[in-house]
PDB file of N, CA and C in Angstrom:
ATOM      1  N   MET A   1       0.847  -1.172   0.000  1.00  0.00           N
ATOM      2  CA  MET A   1       0.000   0.000   0.000  1.00  0.00           C
ATOM      3  C   MET A   1       0.895   1.239   0.000  1.00  0.00           C
ATOM      4  N   PRO A   2       0.721   2.163  -0.944  1.00  0.00           N
ATOM      5  CA  PRO A   2       1.562   3.353  -1.000  1.00  0.00           C
ATOM      6  C   PRO A   2       1.321   4.279   0.181  1.00  0.00           C
ATOM      7  N   LEU A   3       2.382   4.959   0.582  1.00  0.00           N
ATOM      8  CA  LEU A   3       2.282   5.944   1.644  1.00  0.00           C
ATOM      9  C   LEU A   3       1.830   7.253   1.036  1.00  0.00           C
ATOM     10  N   LYS A   4       0.762   7.852   1.578  1.00  0.00           N
ATOM     11  CA  LYS A   4       0.280   9.127   1.067  1.00  0.00           C
ATOM     12  C   LYS A   4       1.051  10.258   1.720  1.00  0.00           C
ATOM     13  N   VAL A   5       1.629  11.112   0.917  1.00  0.00           N
ATOM     14  CA  VAL A   5       2.324  12.284   1.433  1.00  0.00           C
ATOM     15  C   VAL A   5       1.854  13.501   0.651  1.00  0.00           C
ATOM     16  N   ASN A   6       2.122  14.646   1.187  1.00  0.00           N
ATOM     17  CA  ASN A   6       1.766  15.905   0.559  1.00  0.00           C
ATOM     18  C   ASN A   6       2.409  16.014  -0.820  1.00  0.00           C
ATOM     19  N   GLN A   7       1.675  16.551  -1.797  1.00  0.00           N
ATOM     20  CA  GLN A   7       2.207  16.687  -3.155  1.00  0.00           C
ATOM     21  C   GLN A   7       3.435  17.587  -3.209  1.00  0.00           C
ATOM     22  N   ASN A   8       3.589  18.492  -2.263  1.00  0.00           N
ATOM     23  CA  ASN A   8       4.759  19.365  -2.246  1.00  0.00           C
ATOM     24  C   ASN A   8       5.997  18.644  -1.729  1.00  0.00           C
ATOM     25  N   THR A   9       5.807  17.470  -1.125  1.00  0.00           N
ATOM     26  CA  THR A   9       6.918  16.733  -0.551  1.00  0.00           C
ATOM     27  C   THR A   9       7.564  15.822  -1.594  1.00  0.00           C
ATOM     28  N   LEU A  10       6.763  15.025  -2.274  1.00  0.00           N
ATOM     29  CA  LEU A  10       7.260  14.159  -3.337  1.00  0.00           C
ATOM     30  C   LEU A  10       6.666  14.592  -4.666  1.00  0.00           C
ATOM     31  N   ARG A  11       7.317  14.156  -5.745  1.00  0.00           N
ATOM     32  CA  ARG A  11       6.858  14.508  -7.085  1.00  0.00           C
ATOM     33  C   ARG A  11       5.992  13.380  -7.638  1.00  0.00           C
ATOM     34  N   ASP A  12       5.284  13.638  -8.725  1.00  0.00           N
ATOM     35  CA  ASP A  12       4.410  12.634  -9.331  1.00  0.00           C
ATOM     36  C   ASP A  12       5.174  11.394  -9.771  1.00  0.00           C
ATOM     37  N   VAL A  13       6.438  11.521 -10.164  1.00  0.00           N
ATOM     38  CA  VAL A  13       7.216  10.388 -10.665  1.00  0.00           C
ATOM     39  C   VAL A  13       7.838   9.549  -9.552  1.00  0.00           C
ATOM     40  N   ASP A  14       7.839  10.048  -8.325  1.00  0.00           N
ATOM     41  CA  ASP A  14       8.464   9.334  -7.212  1.00  0.00           C
ATOM     42  C   ASP A  14       7.557   8.203  -6.727  1.00  0.00           C
ATOM     43  N   LEU A  15       8.174   7.126  -6.266  1.00  0.00           N
ATOM     44  CA  LEU A  15       7.445   5.969  -5.757  1.00  0.00           C
ATOM     45  C   LEU A  15       7.809   5.753  -4.302  1.00  0.00           C
ATOM     46  N   CYS A  16       6.810   5.494  -3.482  1.00  0.00           N
ATOM     47  CA  CYS A  16       7.035   5.311  -2.056  1.00  0.00           C
ATOM     48  C   CYS A  16       6.271   4.088  -1.596  1.00  0.00           C
ATOM     49  N   GLY A  17       6.914   3.276  -0.764  1.00  0.00           N
ATOM     50  CA  GLY A  17       6.229   2.111  -0.232  1.00  0.00           C
ATOM     51  C   GLY A  17       6.927   1.555   0.991  1.00  0.00           C
ATOM     52  N   ARG A  18       6.197   0.792   1.748  1.00  0.00           N
ATOM     53  CA  ARG A  18       6.738   0.160   2.951  1.00  0.00           C
ATOM     54  C   ARG A  18       7.520  -1.082   2.543  1.00  0.00           C
ATOM     55  N   ILE A  19       8.720  -1.233   3.112  1.00  0.00           N
ATOM     56  CA  ILE A  19       9.524  -2.416   2.784  1.00  0.00           C
ATOM     57  C   ILE A  19       9.652  -3.358   3.964  1.00  0.00           C
ATOM     58  N   GLY A  20       9.129  -2.968   5.108  1.00  0.00           N
ATOM     59  CA  GLY A  20       9.125  -3.858   6.258  1.00  0.00           C
ATOM     60  C   GLY A  20       9.218  -3.092   7.549  1.00  0.00           C
ATOM     61  N   GLY A  21       8.564  -3.611   8.575  1.00  0.00           N
ATOM     62  CA  GLY A  21       8.646  -2.990   9.890  1.00  0.00           C
ATOM     63  C   GLY A  21       8.331  -1.516   9.832  1.00  0.00           C
ATOM     64  N   GLU A  22       9.288  -0.714  10.274  1.00  0.00           N
ATOM     65  CA  GLU A  22       9.138   0.742  10.265  1.00  0.00           C
ATOM     66  C   GLU A  22       9.921   1.370   9.122  1.00  0.00           C
ATOM     67  N   GLU A  23      10.275   0.576   8.121  1.00  0.00           N
ATOM     68  CA  GLU A  23      11.115   1.072   7.029  1.00  0.00           C
ATOM     69  C   GLU A  23      10.307   1.252   5.745  1.00  0.00           C
ATOM     70  N   PHE A  24      10.578   2.372   5.101  1.00  0.00           N
ATOM     71  CA  PHE A  24       9.950   2.705   3.833  1.00  0.00           C
ATOM     72  C   PHE A  24      11.051   3.020   2.829  1.00  0.00           C
ATOM     73  N   ALA A  25      10.746   2.843   1.552  1.00  0.00           N
ATOM     74  CA  ALA A  25      11.683   3.207   0.493  1.00  0.00           C
ATOM     75  C   ALA A  25      10.987   4.212  -0.420  1.00  0.00           C
ATOM     76  N   VAL A  26      11.766   5.169  -0.872  1.00  0.00           N
ATOM     77  CA  VAL A  26      11.272   6.134  -1.849  1.00  0.00           C
ATOM     78  C   VAL A  26      12.234   6.079  -3.029  1.00  0.00           C
ATOM     79  N   LEU A  27      11.702   5.783  -4.202  1.00  0.00           N
ATOM     80  CA  LEU A  27      12.506   5.763  -5.420  1.00  0.00           C
ATOM     81  C   LEU A  27      12.305   7.077  -6.143  1.00  0.00           C
ATOM     82  N   LEU A  28      13.412   7.729  -6.477  1.00  0.00           N
ATOM     83  CA  LEU A  28      13.391   9.034  -7.136  1.00  0.00           C
ATOM     84  C   LEU A  28      14.029   8.879  -8.516  1.00  0.00           C
ATOM     85  N   PRO A  29      13.247   8.449  -9.508  1.00  0.00           N
ATOM     86  CA  PRO A  29      13.824   8.183 -10.831  1.00  0.00           C
ATOM     87  C   PRO A  29      14.394   9.440 -11.487  1.00  0.00           C
ATOM     88  N   HIS A  30      15.500   9.233 -12.202  1.00  0.00           N
ATOM     89  CA  HIS A  30      16.133  10.308 -12.991  1.00  0.00           C
ATOM     90  C   HIS A  30      16.387  11.561 -12.159  1.00  0.00           C
ATOM     91  N   THR A  31      16.939  11.369 -10.966  1.00  0.00           N
ATOM     92  CA  THR A  31      17.153  12.482 -10.049  1.00  0.00           C
ATOM     93  C   THR A  31      18.610  12.565  -9.653  1.00  0.00           C
ATOM     94  N   PRO A  32      19.274  13.690  -9.944  1.00  0.00           N
ATOM     95  CA  PRO A  32      20.663  13.860  -9.510  1.00  0.00           C
ATOM     96  C   PRO A  32      20.754  13.909  -7.982  1.00  0.00           C
ATOM     97  N   LEU A  33      21.936  13.641  -7.455  1.00  0.00           N
ATOM     98  CA  LEU A  33      22.143  13.552  -6.011  1.00  0.00           C
ATOM     99  C   LEU A  33      21.690  14.804  -5.281  1.00  0.00           C
ATOM    100  N   ASP A  34      22.023  15.992  -5.770  1.00  0.00           N
ATOM    101  CA  ASP A  34      21.645  17.212  -5.054  1.00  0.00           C
ATOM    102  C   ASP A  34      20.128  17.365  -4.955  1.00  0.00           C
ATOM    103  N   GLU A  35      19.405  16.995  -6.016  1.00  0.00           N
ATOM    104  CA  GLU A  35      17.939  17.063  -5.971  1.00  0.00           C
ATOM    105  C   GLU A  35      17.366  15.970  -5.069  1.00  0.00           C
ATOM    106  N   ALA A  36      17.965  14.774  -5.105  1.00  0.00           N
ATOM    107  CA  ALA A  36      17.509  13.683  -4.242  1.00  0.00           C
ATOM    108  C   ALA A  36      17.687  14.061  -2.776  1.00  0.00           C
ATOM    109  N   LEU A  37      18.779  14.725  -2.477  1.00  0.00           N
ATOM    110  CA  LEU A  37      19.024  15.177  -1.105  1.00  0.00           C
ATOM    111  C   LEU A  37      17.976  16.198  -0.680  1.00  0.00           C
ATOM    112  N   GLU A  38      17.608  17.099  -1.574  1.00  0.00           N
ATOM    113  CA  GLU A  38      16.551  18.080  -1.283  1.00  0.00           C
ATOM    114  C   GLU A  38      15.220  17.387  -1.021  1.00  0.00           C
ATOM    115  N   VAL A  39      14.874  16.400  -1.854  1.00  0.00           N
ATOM    116  CA  VAL A  39      13.618  15.673  -1.677  1.00  0.00           C
ATOM    117  C   VAL A  39      13.624  14.931  -0.346  1.00  0.00           C
ATOM    118  N   ALA A  40      14.734  14.250  -0.038  1.00  0.00           N
ATOM    119  CA  ALA A  40      14.838  13.494   1.218  1.00  0.00           C
ATOM    120  C   ALA A  40      14.717  14.414   2.423  1.00  0.00           C
ATOM    121  N   GLU A  41      15.366  15.557   2.366  1.00  0.00           N
ATOM    122  CA  GLU A  41      15.302  16.504   3.484  1.00  0.00           C
ATOM    123  C   GLU A  41      13.901  17.093   3.609  1.00  0.00           C
ATOM    124  N   ARG A  42      13.257  17.366   2.481  1.00  0.00           N
ATOM    125  CA  ARG A  42      11.886  17.891   2.495  1.00  0.00           C
ATOM    126  C   ARG A  42      10.936  16.856   3.115  1.00  0.00           C
ATOM    127  N   LEU A  43      11.105  15.592   2.763  1.00  0.00           N
ATOM    128  CA  LEU A  43      10.281  14.522   3.326  1.00  0.00           C
ATOM    129  C   LEU A  43      10.542  14.379   4.822  1.00  0.00           C
ATOM    130  N   ARG A  44      11.811  14.391   5.223  1.00  0.00           N
ATOM    131  CA  ARG A  44      12.162  14.286   6.639  1.00  0.00           C
ATOM    132  C   ARG A  44      11.542  15.426   7.439  1.00  0.00           C
ATOM    133  N   ALA A  45      11.688  16.642   6.935  1.00  0.00           N
ATOM    134  CA  ALA A  45      11.158  17.813   7.641  1.00  0.00           C
ATOM    135  C   ALA A  45       9.628  17.794   7.704  1.00  0.00           C
ATOM    136  N   ALA A  46       8.976  17.371   6.624  1.00  0.00           N
ATOM    137  CA  ALA A  46       7.511  17.336   6.595  1.00  0.00           C
ATOM    138  C   ALA A  46       6.976  16.331   7.607  1.00  0.00           C
ATOM    139  N   LEU A  47       7.599  15.178   7.695  1.00  0.00           N
ATOM    140  CA  LEU A  47       7.146  14.176   8.659  1.00  0.00           C
ATOM    141  C   LEU A  47       7.474  14.593  10.087  1.00  0.00           C
ATOM    142  N   ALA A  48       8.611  15.208  10.291  1.00  0.00           N
ATOM    143  CA  ALA A  48       8.991  15.667  11.631  1.00  0.00           C
ATOM    144  C   ALA A  48       8.060  16.786  12.120  1.00  0.00           C
ATOM    145  N   ALA A  49       7.487  17.529  11.201  1.00  0.00           N
ATOM    146  CA  ALA A  49       6.593  18.633  11.561  1.00  0.00           C
ATOM    147  C   ALA A  49       5.170  18.166  11.877  1.00  0.00           C
ATOM    148  N   ARG A  50       4.835  16.949  11.491  1.00  0.00           N
ATOM    149  CA  ARG A  50       3.484  16.436  11.730  1.00  0.00           C
ATOM    150  C   ARG A  50       3.262  16.138  13.207  1.00  0.00           C
ATOM    151  N   LYS A  51       2.128  16.524  13.692  1.00  0.00           N
ATOM    152  CA  LYS A  51       1.725  16.256  15.074  1.00  0.00           C
ATOM    153  C   LYS A  51       0.376  15.552  15.035  1.00  0.00           C
ATOM    154  N   VAL A  52       0.270  14.448  15.746  1.00  0.00           N
ATOM    155  CA  VAL A  52      -0.977  13.687  15.805  1.00  0.00           C
ATOM    156  C   VAL A  52      -1.579  13.871  17.191  1.00  0.00           C
ATOM    157  N   PRO A  53      -2.781  14.456  17.261  1.00  0.00           N
ATOM    158  CA  PRO A  53      -3.412  14.651  18.568  1.00  0.00           C
ATOM    159  C   PRO A  53      -3.853  13.311  19.162  1.00  0.00           C
ATOM    160  N   LEU A  54      -3.634  13.163  20.455  1.00  0.00           N
ATOM    161  CA  LEU A  54      -4.037  11.964  21.176  1.00  0.00           C
ATOM    162  C   LEU A  54      -5.247  12.269  22.048  1.00  0.00           C
ATOM    163  N   PRO A  55      -6.040  11.262  22.375  1.00  0.00           N
ATOM    164  CA  PRO A  55      -7.256  11.495  23.174  1.00  0.00           C
ATOM    165  C   PRO A  55      -6.996  12.166  24.523  1.00  0.00           C
ATOM    166  N   ASP A  56      -5.801  11.957  25.103  1.00  0.00           N
ATOM    167  CA  ASP A  56      -5.507  12.549  26.412  1.00  0.00           C
ATOM    168  C   ASP A  56      -5.044  13.999  26.325  1.00  0.00           C
ATOM    169  N   GLY A  57      -5.045  14.571  25.102  1.00  0.00           N
ATOM    170  CA  GLY A  57      -4.632  15.959  24.928  1.00  0.00           C
ATOM    171  C   GLY A  57      -3.184  16.123  24.528  1.00  0.00           C
ATOM    172  N   ASN A  58      -2.377  15.086  24.682  1.00  0.00           N
ATOM    173  CA  ASN A  58      -0.984  15.127  24.231  1.00  0.00           C
ATOM    174  C   ASN A  58      -0.920  14.967  22.722  1.00  0.00           C
ATOM    175  N   THR A  59       0.252  15.132  22.172  1.00  0.00           N
ATOM    176  CA  THR A  59       0.430  14.915  20.744  1.00  0.00           C
ATOM    177  C   THR A  59       1.564  13.926  20.513  1.00  0.00           C
ATOM    178  N   LEU A  60       1.452  13.226  19.424  1.00  0.00           N
ATOM    179  CA  LEU A  60       2.469  12.276  18.993  1.00  0.00           C
ATOM    180  C   LEU A  60       3.253  12.928  17.867  1.00  0.00           C
ATOM    181  N   SER A  61       4.580  12.903  17.973  1.00  0.00           N
ATOM    182  CA  SER A  61       5.405  13.480  16.908  1.00  0.00           C
ATOM    183  C   SER A  61       6.357  12.407  16.389  1.00  0.00           C
ATOM    184  N   PHE A  62       7.002  12.690  15.280  1.00  0.00           N
ATOM    185  CA  PHE A  62       7.839  11.720  14.591  1.00  0.00           C
ATOM    186  C   PHE A  62       9.237  12.258  14.364  1.00  0.00           C
ATOM    187  N   THR A  63      10.186  11.357  14.313  1.00  0.00           N
ATOM    188  CA  THR A  63      11.497  11.674  13.754  1.00  0.00           C
ATOM    189  C   THR A  63      11.717  10.705  12.601  1.00  0.00           C
ATOM    190  N   VAL A  64      12.500  11.123  11.641  1.00  0.00           N
ATOM    191  CA  VAL A  64      12.730  10.307  10.460  1.00  0.00           C
ATOM    192  C   VAL A  64      14.220  10.284  10.157  1.00  0.00           C
ATOM    193  N   SER A  65      14.760   9.079  10.096  1.00  0.00           N
ATOM    194  CA  SER A  65      16.157   8.901   9.696  1.00  0.00           C
ATOM    195  C   SER A  65      16.150   8.385   8.263  1.00  0.00           C
ATOM    196  N   VAL A  66      16.959   9.004   7.411  1.00  0.00           N
ATOM    197  CA  VAL A  66      16.959   8.665   5.988  1.00  0.00           C
ATOM    198  C   VAL A  66      18.355   8.251   5.548  1.00  0.00           C
ATOM    199  N   GLY A  67      18.418   7.123   4.861  1.00  0.00           N
ATOM    200  CA  GLY A  67      19.645   6.687   4.202  1.00  0.00           C
ATOM    201  C   GLY A  67      19.460   6.854   2.715  1.00  0.00           C
ATOM    202  N   LEU A  68      20.286   7.679   2.099  1.00  0.00           N
ATOM    203  CA  LEU A  68      20.156   7.999   0.679  1.00  0.00           C
ATOM    204  C   LEU A  68      21.277   7.326  -0.096  1.00  0.00           C
ATOM    205  N   ALA A  69      20.918   6.593  -1.144  1.00  0.00           N
ATOM    206  CA  ALA A  69      21.907   5.931  -1.992  1.00  0.00           C
ATOM    207  C   ALA A  69      21.522   6.136  -3.449  1.00  0.00           C
ATOM    208  N   MET A  70      22.529   6.213  -4.298  1.00  0.00           N
ATOM    209  CA  MET A  70      22.314   6.446  -5.730  1.00  0.00           C
ATOM    210  C   MET A  70      22.736   5.219  -6.538  1.00  0.00           C
ATOM    211  N   VAL A  71      21.994   4.957  -7.601  1.00  0.00           N
ATOM    212  CA  VAL A  71      22.397   3.924  -8.548  1.00  0.00           C
ATOM    213  C   VAL A  71      23.619   4.452  -9.299  1.00  0.00           C
ATOM    214  N   THR A  72      24.633   3.589  -9.433  1.00  0.00           N
ATOM    215  CA  THR A  72      25.827   3.974 -10.190  1.00  0.00           C
ATOM    216  C   THR A  72      25.940   3.111 -11.440  1.00  0.00           C
ATOM    217  N   ALA A  73      26.737   3.544 -12.394  1.00  0.00           N
ATOM    218  CA  ALA A  73      26.901   2.809 -13.647  1.00  0.00           C
ATOM    219  C   ALA A  73      27.427   1.397 -13.410  1.00  0.00           C
ATOM    220  N   GLU A  74      28.347   1.243 -12.472  1.00  0.00           N
ATOM    221  CA  GLU A  74      28.928  -0.076 -12.212  1.00  0.00           C
ATOM    222  C   GLU A  74      28.091  -0.907 -11.241  1.00  0.00           C
ATOM    223  N   ASP A  75      27.059  -0.344 -10.693  1.00  0.00           N
ATOM    224  CA  ASP A  75      26.289  -1.020  -9.655  1.00  0.00           C
ATOM    225  C   ASP A  75      24.810  -0.711  -9.832  1.00  0.00           C
ATOM    226  N   LYS A  76      24.134  -1.409 -10.730  1.00  0.00           N
ATOM    227  CA  LYS A  76      22.716  -1.150 -10.995  1.00  0.00           C
ATOM    228  C   LYS A  76      21.798  -2.175 -10.333  1.00  0.00           C
ATOM    229  N   ASN A  77      22.333  -3.008  -9.470  1.00  0.00           N
ATOM    230  CA  ASN A  77      21.582  -4.057  -8.807  1.00  0.00           C
ATOM    231  C   ASN A  77      20.758  -3.464  -7.662  1.00  0.00           C
ATOM    232  N   LEU A  78      19.460  -3.777  -7.627  1.00  0.00           N
ATOM    233  CA  LEU A  78      18.580  -3.230  -6.592  1.00  0.00           C
ATOM    234  C   LEU A  78      19.010  -3.672  -5.197  1.00  0.00           C
ATOM    235  N   ASP A  79      19.449  -4.912  -5.058  1.00  0.00           N
ATOM    236  CA  ASP A  79      19.899  -5.381  -3.741  1.00  0.00           C
ATOM    237  C   ASP A  79      21.086  -4.567  -3.244  1.00  0.00           C
ATOM    238  N   LYS A  80      22.034  -4.270  -4.126  1.00  0.00           N
ATOM    239  CA  LYS A  80      23.205  -3.455  -3.745  1.00  0.00           C
ATOM    240  C   LYS A  80      22.762  -2.051  -3.358  1.00  0.00           C
ATOM    241  N   LEU A  81      21.841  -1.496  -4.113  1.00  0.00           N
ATOM    242  CA  LEU A  81      21.335  -0.157  -3.818  1.00  0.00           C
ATOM    243  C   LEU A  81      20.679  -0.124  -2.436  1.00  0.00           C
ATOM    244  N   MET A  82      19.876  -1.127  -2.133  1.00  0.00           N
ATOM    245  CA  MET A  82      19.208  -1.184  -0.834  1.00  0.00           C
ATOM    246  C   MET A  82      20.221  -1.386   0.296  1.00  0.00           C
ATOM    247  N   GLN A  83      21.277  -2.156   0.052  1.00  0.00           N
ATOM    248  CA  GLN A  83      22.328  -2.332   1.063  1.00  0.00           C
ATOM    249  C   GLN A  83      23.009  -1.004   1.368  1.00  0.00           C
ATOM    250  N   LYS A  84      23.296  -0.233   0.322  1.00  0.00           N
ATOM    251  CA  LYS A  84      23.929   1.075   0.502  1.00  0.00           C
ATOM    252  C   LYS A  84      23.008   2.013   1.289  1.00  0.00           C
ATOM    253  N   ALA A  85      21.730   2.037   0.914  1.00  0.00           N
ATOM    254  CA  ALA A  85      20.773   2.895   1.614  1.00  0.00           C
ATOM    255  C   ALA A  85      20.651   2.468   3.075  1.00  0.00           C
ATOM    256  N   ASP A  86      20.677   1.165   3.332  1.00  0.00           N
ATOM    257  CA  ASP A  86      20.580   0.650   4.699  1.00  0.00           C
ATOM    258  C   ASP A  86      21.792   1.063   5.529  1.00  0.00           C
ATOM    259  N   LEU A  87      22.983   0.999   4.939  1.00  0.00           N
ATOM    260  CA  LEU A  87      24.191   1.440   5.650  1.00  0.00           C
ATOM    261  C   LEU A  87      24.102   2.919   6.008  1.00  0.00           C
ATOM    262  N   ALA A  88      23.625   3.731   5.064  1.00  0.00           N
ATOM    263  CA  ALA A  88      23.471   5.166   5.320  1.00  0.00           C
ATOM    264  C   ALA A  88      22.392   5.408   6.380  1.00  0.00           C
ATOM    265  N   LEU A  89      21.321   4.614   6.355  1.00  0.00           N
ATOM    266  CA  LEU A  89      20.262   4.734   7.349  1.00  0.00           C
ATOM    267  C   LEU A  89      20.805   4.480   8.748  1.00  0.00           C
ATOM    268  N   TYR A  90      21.579   3.418   8.915  1.00  0.00           N
ATOM    269  CA  TYR A  90      22.118   3.116  10.244  1.00  0.00           C
ATOM    270  C   TYR A  90      23.124   4.174  10.694  1.00  0.00           C
ATOM    271  N   GLN A  91      23.826   4.766   9.752  1.00  0.00           N
ATOM    272  CA  GLN A  91      24.724   5.867  10.101  1.00  0.00           C
ATOM    273  C   GLN A  91      23.904   7.064  10.595  1.00  0.00           C
ATOM    274  N   ALA A  92      22.774   7.346   9.932  1.00  0.00           N
ATOM    275  CA  ALA A  92      21.895   8.442  10.379  1.00  0.00           C
ATOM    276  C   ALA A  92      21.394   8.183  11.795  1.00  0.00           C
ATOM    277  N   LYS A  93      21.037   6.943  12.072  1.00  0.00           N
ATOM    278  CA  LYS A  93      20.557   6.601  13.421  1.00  0.00           C
ATOM    279  C   LYS A  93      21.669   6.751  14.446  1.00  0.00           C
ATOM    280  N   GLU A  94      22.885   6.326  14.096  1.00  0.00           N
ATOM    281  CA  GLU A  94      24.019   6.436  15.013  1.00  0.00           C
ATOM    282  C   GLU A  94      24.407   7.886  15.278  1.00  0.00           C
ATOM    283  N   GLN A  95      24.132   8.772  14.319  1.00  0.00           N
ATOM    284  CA  GLN A  95      24.493  10.184  14.465  1.00  0.00           C
ATOM    285  C   GLN A  95      23.422  10.980  15.209  1.00  0.00           C
ATOM    286  N   GLY A  96      22.401  10.306  15.704  1.00  0.00           N
ATOM    287  CA  GLY A  96      21.408  10.997  16.516  1.00  0.00           C
ATOM    288  C   GLY A  96      20.007  11.005  15.965  1.00  0.00           C
ATOM    289  N   ARG A  97      19.774  10.358  14.860  1.00  0.00           N
ATOM    290  CA  ARG A  97      18.432  10.245  14.261  1.00  0.00           C
ATOM    291  C   ARG A  97      17.918  11.573  13.713  1.00  0.00           C
ATOM    292  N   ASN A  98      16.763  11.495  13.051  1.00  0.00           N
ATOM    293  CA  ASN A  98      16.098  12.652  12.459  1.00  0.00           C
ATOM    294  C   ASN A  98      17.037  13.444  11.557  1.00  0.00           C
ATOM    295  N   ARG A  99      17.663  12.718  10.642  1.00  0.00           N
ATOM    296  CA  ARG A  99      18.596  13.341   9.693  1.00  0.00           C
ATOM    297  C   ARG A  99      18.688  12.515   8.427  1.00  0.00           C
ATOM    298  N   VAL A 100      19.275  13.100   7.395  1.00  0.00           N
ATOM    299  CA  VAL A 100      19.517  12.431   6.119  1.00  0.00           C
ATOM    300  C   VAL A 100      21.012  12.194   5.984  1.00  0.00           C
ATOM    301  N   VAL A 101      21.411  10.968   5.659  1.00  0.00           N
ATOM    302  CA  VAL A 101      22.811  10.640   5.423  1.00  0.00           C
ATOM    303  C   VAL A 101      22.931  10.036   4.032  1.00  0.00           C
ATOM    304  N   VAL A 102      23.885  10.511   3.267  1.00  0.00           N
ATOM    305  CA  VAL A 102      24.136  10.015   1.913  1.00  0.00           C
ATOM    306  C   VAL A 102      25.228   8.957   1.978  1.00  0.00           C
ATOM    307  N   TYR A 103      24.991   7.828   1.299  1.00  0.00           N
ATOM    308  CA  TYR A 103      25.993   6.762   1.249  1.00  0.00           C
ATOM    309  C   TYR A 103      27.198   7.236   0.481  1.00  0.00           C
TER     310      TYR A 103
END
């Protein structure tokens, strides 16, 4: 099931889906690294800004750690790409969470 996000956060060509547990993947086709970093940061900031009201009057907020990896000419395998993104994700978590790290 696709994750619904604000149209200003992702573009029409981007694909987003849950890959397991609390992990989601966003594919940004034909996107240079600097633009992908902007999209990832925009998504991180948009989710971090969301507040969900709870019945007791408190609110639930989110942090988002992002691992960003790019397909390279010598490495077009999806499994390799996901491994790179996963390594960057764990680095983001180790650096304090709620951040974007590029592989």
